Amino acid sequence: MSNHDPVIVRDAGPGTFQTEMVAGPHHVLTDEPGPLGGTNTGPPPYDLLLGALGSCTVMTLRVYAGRKQWPLEHVTVTLRHSKVHADDCAECETRTGKIDRIEREIVLDGNLDEEQRSRLLKIADMCPVHRTLHSEIQVVTTLRD
């Protein structure tokens, strides 16, 4: 069980898709772009998912490099989400329908040697959000009055 405060999301305003996400003292508007029927007042849900993976990746790499006292100056992570046909994915277990694909590109700035860069690439897959996305996830939903 997590000891974090709950994240609360509620409808927030004009249009069908605008919501307010409250995480502790932080408030974030989420929405969909205009062409999808939203008002484009905040990032859409999949961008939040990518942001969670990207920020966790950066944090994990910074902590690891710091512990090793490696000269990592900056980390930039660029992410893209798409749906691809399962039969186009040679390394996927699913063979039919579509699967979600996240492409993650990492840029490491600093005077790192090839061994350090290679190790940091492996460490990126160990960030907690990455591990969550690769684990079995159970969402338990209840309806409350």
Protein backbone atom coordinates (compact mmCIF):
# COMPACT_ATOMS: atom_id res chain seq x y z
CA MET A 1 0.00 0.00 0.00
CA SER A 2 1.13 3.52 -0.77
CA ASN A 3 1.48 6.09 1.96
CA HIS A 4 0.96 8.98 -0.47
CA ASP A 5 -2.06 11.26 -0.32
CA PRO A 6 -4.68 10.36 -2.92
CA VAL A 7 -4.76 12.11 -6.26
CA ILE A 8 -8.20 13.60 -6.89
CA VAL A 9 -9.51 14.34 -10.37
CA ARG A 10 -12.82 16.08 -11.03
CA ASP A 11 -14.54 17.80 -13.91
CA ALA A 12 -13.48 21.40 -13.91
CA GLY A 13 -15.11 23.64 -16.40
CA PRO A 14 -16.11 24.31 -19.91
CA GLY A 15 -16.41 21.45 -22.32
CA THR A 16 -16.55 17.73 -21.85
CA PHE A 17 -12.89 16.96 -21.18
CA GLN A 18 -11.46 19.64 -18.89
CA THR A 19 -10.56 18.24 -15.48
CA GLU A 20 -8.64 19.42 -12.45
CA MET A 21 -6.11 17.06 -10.92
CA VAL A 22 -5.23 17.73 -7.29
CA ALA A 23 -2.11 16.06 -5.90
CA GLY A 24 -1.40 17.41 -2.43
CA PRO A 25 -0.87 21.17 -2.80
CA HIS A 26 -0.56 20.93 -6.62
CA HIS A 27 -3.41 21.67 -9.02
CA VAL A 28 -3.12 20.77 -12.71
CA LEU A 29 -5.72 21.28 -15.43
CA THR A 30 -6.02 18.45 -17.90
CA ASP A 31 -7.93 18.50 -21.17
CA GLU A 32 -7.97 17.30 -24.74
CA PRO A 33 -6.96 19.36 -27.78
CA GLY A 34 -9.63 21.30 -29.67
CA PRO A 35 -9.74 18.92 -32.66
CA LEU A 36 -10.68 16.10 -30.25
CA GLY A 37 -13.48 18.12 -28.65
CA GLY A 38 -11.56 19.65 -25.76
CA THR A 39 -10.63 23.22 -24.94
CA ASN A 40 -6.85 22.61 -24.85
CA THR A 41 -6.41 24.14 -21.38
CA GLY A 42 -4.02 21.45 -20.16
CA PRO A 43 -2.18 18.31 -21.18
CA PRO A 44 -4.23 15.27 -22.17
CA PRO A 45 -4.11 12.10 -20.03
CA TYR A 46 -1.52 10.25 -22.13
CA ASP A 47 0.83 13.25 -21.90
CA LEU A 48 0.54 13.01 -18.11
CA LEU A 49 1.45 9.32 -18.34
CA LEU A 50 4.47 10.13 -20.51
CA GLY A 51 5.41 12.95 -18.14
CA ALA A 52 5.34 10.55 -15.19
CA LEU A 53 7.65 8.13 -16.99
CA GLY A 54 9.96 10.89 -18.20
CA SER A 55 10.28 12.66 -14.86
CA CYS A 56 10.83 9.37 -13.02
CA THR A 57 13.53 8.45 -15.55
CA VAL A 58 15.35 11.77 -15.08
CA MET A 59 15.14 11.52 -11.27
CA THR A 60 16.37 7.92 -11.23
CA LEU A 61 19.35 8.70 -13.48
CA ARG A 62 20.29 11.82 -11.48
CA VAL A 63 20.18 9.91 -8.18
CA TYR A 64 22.22 6.99 -9.56
CA ALA A 65 24.86 9.19 -11.19
CA GLY A 66 25.05 11.28 -8.02
CA ARG A 67 25.67 8.22 -5.84
CA LYS A 68 28.41 7.10 -8.22
CA GLN A 69 29.79 10.66 -8.40
CA TRP A 70 29.63 10.51 -12.20
CA PRO A 71 29.83 13.79 -14.17
CA LEU A 72 26.21 13.78 -15.37
CA GLU A 73 25.25 17.40 -15.98
CA HIS A 74 21.80 17.20 -17.58
CA VAL A 75 19.27 14.56 -18.61
CA THR A 76 16.61 15.11 -21.27
CA VAL A 77 13.96 12.51 -22.00
CA THR A 78 11.69 12.74 -25.05
CA LEU A 79 8.67 10.42 -25.14
CA ARG A 80 6.05 9.49 -27.72
CA HIS A 81 2.98 7.29 -27.35
CA SER A 82 1.28 5.45 -30.18
CA LYS A 83 -0.86 2.41 -30.84
CA VAL A 84 0.64 -0.17 -33.19
CA HIS A 85 -0.65 -3.42 -34.60
CA ALA A 86 0.58 -6.32 -32.46
CA ASP A 87 1.61 -8.32 -35.51
CA ASP A 88 4.06 -5.49 -36.37
CA CYS A 89 5.88 -6.02 -33.06
CA ALA A 90 8.35 -8.89 -33.19
CA GLU A 91 9.28 -8.70 -29.49
CA CYS A 92 5.68 -8.50 -28.16
CA GLU A 93 3.77 -11.36 -26.56
CA THR A 94 0.42 -10.10 -27.85
CA ARG A 95 -0.17 -11.27 -31.41
CA THR A 96 -3.54 -9.71 -32.31
CA GLY A 97 -5.09 -6.26 -32.07
CA LYS A 98 -3.16 -3.15 -31.11
CA ILE A 99 -0.66 -2.52 -28.35
CA ASP A 100 0.50 0.68 -26.72
CA ARG A 101 4.02 1.69 -27.68
CA ILE A 102 6.05 4.26 -25.79
CA GLU A 103 9.25 5.46 -27.41
CA ARG A 104 11.71 6.97 -24.95
CA GLU A 105 14.82 8.83 -26.11
CA ILE A 106 17.37 9.84 -23.48
CA VAL A 107 20.09 12.47 -23.89
CA LEU A 108 22.85 12.43 -21.27
CA ASP A 109 25.00 15.55 -21.05
CA GLY A 110 28.30 15.35 -19.23
CA ASN A 111 31.77 13.89 -19.56
CA LEU A 112 30.60 10.26 -19.28
CA ASP A 113 32.51 7.33 -20.74
CA GLU A 114 30.77 4.62 -22.78
CA GLU A 115 30.56 2.23 -19.81
CA GLN A 116 28.82 4.88 -17.69
CA ARG A 117 26.43 5.77 -20.51
CA SER A 118 25.59 2.11 -21.06
CA ARG A 119 24.96 1.57 -17.34
CA LEU A 120 22.71 4.64 -17.15
CA LEU A 121 20.69 3.32 -20.09
CA LYS A 122 20.07 0.10 -18.12
CA ILE A 123 19.25 2.08 -14.96
CA ALA A 124 16.58 4.02 -16.87
CA ASP A 125 14.55 0.81 -17.09
CA MET A 126 14.69 0.52 -13.31
CA CYS A 127 12.81 3.73 -12.55
CA PRO A 128 9.71 2.94 -10.48
CA VAL A 129 7.21 4.19 -13.07
CA HIS A 130 8.86 2.11 -15.82
CA ARG A 131 8.69 -0.93 -13.56
CA THR A 132 5.03 -0.23 -12.79
CA LEU A 133 4.20 -0.01 -16.48
CA HIS A 134 5.82 -3.41 -17.02
CA SER A 135 4.17 -5.11 -14.05
CA GLU A 136 0.72 -6.55 -13.66
CA ILE A 137 -1.54 -3.66 -12.67
CA GLN A 138 -4.78 -4.06 -10.79
CA VAL A 139 -7.21 -1.13 -10.77
CA VAL A 140 -9.90 -1.60 -8.12
CA THR A 141 -12.90 0.67 -8.75
CA THR A 142 -15.70 1.39 -6.29
CA LEU A 143 -18.70 3.66 -6.51
CA ARG A 144 -19.26 5.92 -3.53
CA ASP A 145 -22.33 8.01 -2.63
